[in-house]
Protein backbone atom coordinates (compact mmCIF):
# COMPACT_ATOMS: atom_id res chain seq x y z
CA MET A 1 0.00 0.00 0.00
CA LEU A 2 2.70 2.43 1.04
CA GLY A 3 4.72 1.44 -2.02
CA LYS A 4 1.87 2.25 -4.36
CA LEU A 5 1.30 5.63 -2.66
CA PHE A 6 5.01 6.42 -2.93
CA ASN A 7 5.00 5.57 -6.63
CA LYS A 8 1.95 7.79 -7.20
CA ASN A 9 3.58 10.74 -5.42
CA ARG A 10 6.78 10.21 -7.40
CA ARG A 11 4.85 10.17 -10.69
CA ALA A 12 2.97 13.30 -9.60
CA ASP A 13 6.25 15.06 -8.72
CA THR A 14 7.68 14.02 -12.09
CA THR A 15 4.62 15.35 -13.88
CA VAL A 16 4.77 18.69 -12.01
CA THR A 17 8.51 18.98 -12.67
CA GLY A 18 7.92 18.23 -16.34
CA LEU A 19 5.20 20.88 -16.55
CA LEU A 20 7.45 23.42 -14.84
CA TRP A 21 10.28 22.71 -17.27
CA THR A 22 7.87 22.99 -20.19
CA LEU A 23 6.65 26.33 -18.85
CA VAL A 24 10.23 27.54 -18.43
CA GLU A 25 11.04 26.47 -22.00
CA VAL A 26 7.94 28.25 -23.35
CA VAL A 27 8.78 31.44 -21.44
CA ALA A 28 12.40 31.24 -22.64
CA ALA A 29 11.25 30.72 -26.23
CA ILE A 30 8.84 33.67 -26.04
CA THR A 31 11.59 35.85 -24.52
CA ILE A 32 14.01 34.90 -27.31
CA VAL A 33 11.38 35.62 -29.98
CA ILE A 34 10.57 39.03 -28.41
CA PHE A 35 14.29 39.85 -28.21
CA LEU A 36 14.82 38.89 -31.86
CA ILE A 37 11.83 41.00 -32.93
CA TRP A 38 13.16 43.96 -30.89
CA LEU A 39 16.61 43.49 -32.38
CA GLY A 40 15.17 43.32 -35.89
CA LEU A 41 13.12 46.48 -35.38
CA LYS A 42 16.15 48.25 -33.93
CA PHE A 43 18.29 47.39 -36.95
CA ALA A 44 15.43 48.21 -39.33
CA GLY A 45 14.99 51.57 -37.61
CA PHE A 46 18.73 52.21 -37.91
CA PHE A 47 18.77 51.47 -41.63
CA ILE A 48 15.58 53.47 -42.28
CA GLY A 49 17.01 56.36 -40.27
CA ARG A 50 20.22 56.18 -42.26
CA GLN A 51 18.28 56.16 -45.52
CA ASP A 52 16.29 59.23 -44.39
CA TYR A 53 19.53 61.04 -43.49
CA ASP A 54 21.24 60.14 -46.77
CA SER A 55 18.16 61.18 -48.76
CA THR A 56 17.99 64.55 -46.99
CA ILE A 57 21.72 65.22 -47.43
CA ASN A 58 21.59 64.27 -51.11
CA ASN A 59 18.67 66.68 -51.65
CA MET A 60 20.51 69.46 -49.83
CA GLU A 61 23.67 68.85 -51.89
CA ALA A 62 21.67 68.90 -55.14
CA LEU A 63 20.01 72.18 -54.14
CA ALA A 64 23.39 73.64 -53.16
CA ASN A 65 24.86 72.63 -56.53
CA LEU A 66 22.00 74.39 -58.31
CA VAL A 67 22.46 77.54 -56.21
CA ALA A 68 26.19 77.52 -57.01
CA GLU A 69 25.43 77.22 -60.73
CA LEU A 70 22.94 80.09 -60.63
CA ALA A 71 25.38 82.25 -58.68
CA LYS A 72 28.04 81.76 -61.35
CA ASP A 73 25.66 82.41 -64.25
CA SER A 74 26.36 85.74 -65.97
CA LYS A 75 22.66 86.65 -66.17
CA GLU A 76 21.45 89.06 -63.50
CA ILE A 77 17.97 87.51 -63.34
CA ILE A 78 17.29 83.86 -64.04
CA SER A 79 14.81 81.27 -62.78
CA THR A 80 14.41 77.51 -62.84
CA THR A 81 12.53 74.77 -61.02
CA LYS A 82 13.71 71.83 -58.96
CA VAL A 83 12.12 68.88 -57.18
CA PHE A 84 13.14 68.93 -53.53
CA SER A 85 12.40 66.70 -50.56
CA ILE A 86 13.32 66.64 -46.88
CA THR A 87 12.40 63.81 -44.53
CA ASP A 88 10.45 64.38 -41.30
CA SER A 89 13.41 64.22 -38.91
CA TYR A 90 15.39 67.10 -40.43
CA VAL A 91 15.39 70.86 -41.01
CA LEU A 92 17.04 72.81 -43.83
CA VAL A 93 18.35 76.27 -42.92
CA GLY A 94 19.74 78.83 -45.37
CA PHE A 95 22.14 81.30 -43.75
CA ASN A 96 22.79 84.59 -45.54
CA TYR A 97 26.31 85.96 -45.68
CA ASP A 98 25.23 88.86 -43.42
CA ASP A 99 22.26 87.63 -41.40
CA GLY A 100 22.79 89.96 -38.47
CA ARG A 101 20.34 89.13 -35.66
CA ASN A 102 17.28 88.39 -37.74
CA MET A 103 17.42 84.61 -38.24
CA GLY A 104 14.78 82.40 -36.67
CA THR A 105 11.88 79.99 -37.09
CA ASP A 106 8.23 80.27 -36.12
CA CYS A 107 7.86 76.48 -35.94
CA THR A 108 9.49 76.26 -32.51
CA GLN A 109 9.51 80.03 -31.86
CA GLU A 110 13.26 80.46 -31.47
CA LYS A 111 16.26 82.24 -32.90
CA ILE A 112 18.88 80.57 -35.08
CA ILE A 113 21.84 82.73 -34.16
CA GLY A 114 23.87 81.03 -31.42
CA SER A 115 23.36 77.70 -33.17
CA ARG A 116 24.75 79.02 -36.46
CA PRO A 117 27.85 76.94 -37.35
CA ARG A 118 31.23 78.56 -37.00
CA LEU A 119 32.15 77.82 -40.63
CA CYS A 120 29.05 79.80 -41.69
CA GLN A 121 29.93 83.00 -39.85
CA ASP A 122 29.85 85.83 -42.43
CA THR A 123 29.41 83.18 -45.14
CA ALA A 124 26.31 82.00 -46.95
CA CYS A 125 25.46 78.39 -46.11
CA LEU A 126 22.86 75.70 -46.51
CA CYS A 127 22.75 73.44 -43.44
CA ILE A 128 20.84 70.41 -42.24
CA TYR A 129 19.77 70.16 -38.58
CA LYS A 130 18.08 67.37 -36.67
CA ASN A 131 14.38 68.01 -36.10
CA TYR A 132 13.69 67.38 -32.40
CA GLY A 133 11.19 70.02 -31.38
CA SER A 134 8.26 69.77 -33.73
CA VAL A 135 8.02 66.01 -34.18
CA THR A 136 5.98 65.57 -31.00
CA ASP A 137 4.54 69.01 -30.25
CA TRP A 138 5.25 72.73 -30.43
CA SER A 139 7.02 72.87 -27.07
CA GLY A 140 10.25 71.24 -28.25
CA LYS A 141 13.30 73.19 -29.37
CA ASP A 142 15.81 72.70 -32.18
CA PHE A 143 18.16 75.71 -32.21
CA ASP A 144 19.17 78.46 -29.77
CA ASP A 145 16.73 77.44 -27.00
CA LYS A 146 17.73 73.78 -27.09
CA GLU A 147 20.09 72.50 -24.37
CA PRO A 148 22.72 72.14 -25.65
CA LYS A 149 22.19 74.39 -28.66
CA GLY A 150 21.27 72.75 -31.97
CA THR A 151 24.24 71.61 -34.05
CA ALA A 152 24.29 71.44 -37.84
CA LEU A 153 24.83 67.92 -39.17
CA LYS A 154 26.06 68.98 -42.62
CA CYS A 155 26.64 72.33 -44.37
CA ARG A 156 27.54 73.68 -47.78
CA THR A 157 29.22 77.08 -47.95
CA PHE A 158 29.24 79.57 -50.84
CA ASP A 159 31.95 82.04 -51.82
CA GLN A 160 29.57 84.67 -53.18
CA LYS A 161 27.55 87.20 -51.18
CA ILE A 162 24.36 85.15 -51.27
CA LEU A 163 21.13 85.99 -49.48
CA PHE A 164 18.34 83.42 -49.32
CA LEU A 165 14.73 84.56 -49.43
CA VAL A 166 11.53 82.51 -49.37
CA ASP A 167 8.33 83.90 -50.86
CA ASP A 168 5.86 84.38 -48.02
CA THR A 169 3.53 81.43 -48.39
CA GLU A 170 0.89 79.42 -46.58
CA SER A 171 3.03 76.29 -46.63
CA HIS A 172 3.15 74.68 -43.18
CA ASN A 173 6.73 73.58 -43.77
CA PHE A 174 8.27 76.92 -44.87
CA ARG A 175 8.84 78.11 -41.31
CA GLY A 176 11.40 80.92 -41.38
CA THR A 177 10.69 84.17 -39.59
CA SER A 178 10.02 87.31 -41.60
CA SER A 179 13.07 88.68 -43.39
CA ALA A 180 14.01 92.35 -43.28
CA ILE A 181 15.88 92.10 -46.60
CA GLU A 182 14.50 94.23 -49.43
CA LEU A 183 14.81 93.10 -53.02
CA ARG A 184 14.47 96.02 -55.44
CA SER A 185 14.02 93.90 -58.56
CA LYS A 186 11.18 91.91 -56.96
CA PRO A 187 9.55 93.65 -53.98
CA GLY A 188 7.51 91.41 -51.70
CA ASN A 189 7.11 89.80 -48.30
CA TYR A 190 9.89 87.32 -47.70
CA GLU A 191 10.86 84.84 -45.01
CA ASN A 192 14.18 83.38 -43.96
CA LEU A 193 14.94 79.97 -45.42
CA VAL A 194 13.89 77.37 -42.84
CA PHE A 195 12.28 74.23 -44.28
CA TYR A 196 10.91 71.71 -41.76
CA GLY A 197 10.50 68.10 -42.77
CA GLU A 198 7.66 68.04 -40.26
CA CYS A 199 6.12 70.81 -38.20
CA GLY A 200 2.87 71.33 -36.34
CA GLY A 201 2.49 69.18 -33.22
CA PRO A 202 -0.46 66.76 -33.33
CA TRP A 203 -1.62 68.41 -36.57
CA ARG A 204 1.83 68.34 -38.12
CA ASN A 205 2.38 68.44 -41.84
CA ASN A 206 5.05 66.63 -43.81
CA PHE A 207 7.20 68.43 -46.35
CA GLY A 208 7.06 65.46 -48.70
CA ILE A 209 8.17 66.20 -52.26
CA LYS A 210 7.74 69.72 -53.61
CA GLN A 211 8.48 71.38 -56.90
CA LEU A 212 10.37 74.56 -56.06
CA LYS A 213 10.79 77.67 -58.15
CA ILE A 214 14.28 79.08 -57.67
CA GLU A 215 15.17 82.57 -58.90
CA LYS A 216 18.45 84.42 -58.95
CA HIS A 217 18.48 88.22 -58.73
CA LYS A 218 21.83 89.99 -58.79
CA GLU A 219 22.02 93.53 -57.46
CA ASN A 220 25.50 95.05 -57.37
CA ASP A 221 27.73 92.43 -55.75
CA LYS A 222 24.89 90.66 -53.91
CA ILE A 223 23.10 87.57 -55.19
CA TYR A 224 19.56 86.96 -53.97
CA ILE A 225 18.23 83.42 -54.23
CA VAL A 226 14.43 83.53 -54.05
CA ILE A 227 12.66 80.22 -53.42
CA SER A 228 8.95 79.54 -53.60
CA GLU A 229 6.69 76.57 -54.10
CA TYR A 230 6.14 76.18 -57.84
CA ILE A 231 2.49 76.15 -58.83
CA GLU A 232 1.85 75.39 -62.47
CA VAL A 233 -0.87 77.61 -63.89
CA PRO A 234 -3.15 75.58 -66.18
CA LEU A 235 -3.67 76.84 -69.69
CA SER A 236 -7.04 78.37 -70.44
CA ALA A 237 -9.46 76.59 -72.77
CA GLY A 238 -8.67 79.12 -75.45
CA GLY A 239 -4.97 78.26 -75.31
């Protein structure tokens, strides 16, 4: 009798131990699967982030090349168009050769003076910054009010006395503050060049892909590069 009871208890203990080991193996397997998924997402995020960065830099370089070509052109007034894109996580800033104290953005409501790169002091530049502030809400900061101050990731400098102007527009991604520069050959309301890949808090808008109109106006020794969103006017029915 006692022998049978002992055998039953031993079989029960073996069954419980087996179930516990099975549970441990299942938990271990689930943990490994979760870790592998996390690792895969981390690497995927890294590669996607790298692709976004490379795409943004390539677009900035292409725009800079076009600006350099226009600046060297002998014509005083010339215009062209260009497809341009900037991904959500980045900001394009155009520094004039003599900005003074008037550079800023209304996306995060801050100046872009102390965060201007040293190599762009008294030199026209196009620079890419990381977009921290506007991705989540309007309270974040990207430039002078960020701690530490925003740092340009990549810049292109220009030898000529170039001033960048953006036609005042309703675009949610053209977010430079109002410019005090006056252009005699084309009077108007202009903004500083600050293009956000994404701006607007919960109602944020993506820059996406835009067709830009780029004009060069030369007045004395200064070269004004005027950028606006190109809107093709449809032909009338009469031609």
